[in-house]
Protein backbone atom coordinates (compact mmCIF):
# COMPACT_ATOMS: atom_id res chain seq x y z
CA MET A 1 0.00 0.00 0.00
CA ASP A 2 1.36 3.38 -0.91
CA GLU A 3 1.68 6.38 1.38
CA PHE A 4 -1.57 7.95 0.18
CA GLY A 5 -3.46 4.73 0.87
CA GLU A 6 -2.07 4.56 4.40
CA LEU A 7 -3.04 8.16 5.09
CA ALA A 8 -6.54 7.52 3.80
CA MET A 9 -6.83 4.43 6.00
CA ARG A 10 -5.67 6.40 9.05
CA GLU A 11 -8.21 9.12 8.30
CA ARG A 12 -11.04 6.59 8.06
CA GLU A 13 -9.98 5.04 11.35
CA ALA A 14 -9.83 8.48 12.99
CA ARG A 15 -13.37 9.23 11.80
CA ARG A 16 -14.56 5.91 13.20
CA ILE A 17 -12.97 6.70 16.57
CA VAL A 18 -14.54 10.17 16.64
CA ARG A 19 -17.99 8.71 15.86
CA ARG A 20 -17.66 6.35 18.81
CA GLN A 21 -16.42 9.09 21.14
CA TRP A 22 -19.41 11.27 20.23
CA PHE A 23 -21.72 8.33 20.94
CA TRP A 24 -20.24 7.79 24.40
CA LEU A 25 -20.60 11.49 25.16
CA HIS A 26 -24.24 11.36 24.03
CA PHE A 27 -24.83 8.24 26.15
CA VAL A 28 -23.31 9.79 29.30
CA VAL A 29 -25.40 12.95 28.90
CA TRP A 30 -28.55 10.86 28.34
CA ALA A 31 -27.89 8.63 31.36
CA THR A 32 -27.08 11.58 33.63
CA ILE A 33 -30.25 13.44 32.71
CA GLN A 34 -32.36 10.30 33.08
CA VAL A 35 -31.00 9.71 36.59
CA PHE A 36 -31.75 13.35 37.42
CA LEU A 37 -35.32 13.00 36.14
CA VAL A 38 -35.89 9.83 38.17
CA ILE A 39 -34.60 11.60 41.29
CA VAL A 40 -36.92 14.57 40.65
CA TRP A 41 -39.83 12.15 40.19
CA ALA A 42 -38.95 10.33 43.44
CA ILE A 43 -38.58 13.54 45.43
CA THR A 44 -41.88 14.98 44.24
CA SER A 45 -43.56 11.65 45.02
CA ALA A 46 -45.62 11.84 41.87
CA SER A 47 -47.79 8.82 41.34
CA PHE A 48 -47.44 8.67 37.54
CA PRO A 49 -43.93 7.77 36.29
CA TRP A 50 -43.67 10.62 33.79
CA PHE A 51 -39.91 10.17 33.42
CA ILE A 52 -40.46 7.17 31.13
CA PHE A 53 -41.45 9.44 28.23
CA PRO A 54 -38.09 11.19 27.91
CA LEU A 55 -36.33 7.95 28.89
CA PHE A 56 -37.70 5.99 25.94
CA GLY A 57 -38.13 8.92 23.56
CA TRP A 58 -34.55 10.06 23.83
CA GLY A 59 -33.45 6.43 24.19
CA ILE A 60 -34.57 5.77 20.63
CA PHE A 61 -32.16 8.42 19.39
CA VAL A 62 -29.36 7.03 21.58
CA ALA A 63 -29.95 3.56 20.10
CA GLY A 64 -29.83 5.01 16.59
CA HIS A 65 -26.64 6.83 17.42
CA ALA A 66 -25.15 3.58 18.74
CA ALA A 67 -26.04 1.81 15.50
CA TYR A 68 -24.40 4.60 13.51
CA ALA A 69 -21.27 4.59 15.69
CA PHE A 70 -20.72 0.83 15.93
CA ILE A 71 -22.56 -0.90 13.07
CA VAL A 72 -23.02 1.38 10.07
CA ARG A 73 -19.99 1.84 7.85
CA ASP A 74 -19.15 4.73 5.56
CA PRO A 75 -19.68 4.13 1.85
CA GLU A 76 -15.97 4.77 1.38
CA GLU A 77 -15.10 1.87 3.70
CA ILE A 78 -17.41 -0.46 1.79
CA MET A 79 -15.86 0.62 -1.52
CA VAL A 80 -12.32 -0.02 -0.22
CA GLU A 81 -13.30 -3.49 0.98
CA ARG A 82 -14.80 -4.34 -2.41
CA GLU A 83 -11.62 -3.17 -4.14
CA ARG A 84 -9.50 -5.34 -1.86
CA LYS A 85 -11.67 -8.38 -2.58
CA THR A 86 -11.36 -7.87 -6.33
CA GLU A 87 -7.58 -7.43 -6.01
CA LYS A 88 -7.29 -10.71 -4.10
CA LYS A 89 -9.28 -12.56 -6.76
CA ASP A 90 -7.00 -11.32 -9.55
């Protein structure tokens, strides 16, 4: 692999790491706020558990963010893998 290919691979890996770091930040903020909302609900001794609405509503977005950070790949990564497979066949 030439120097340009190595730099491109490092850049893709750096983007993947950044995506995962942003997910973990999002998750920590979500978890912290959810704990705060549960504490507020417990202190006010409300009978209806209203905190479940933001818990699950925002949780859907956190799950989507997790899928994007850990499962979904960039089209560029898919293209590079296909090129490598065709090179190995030849």
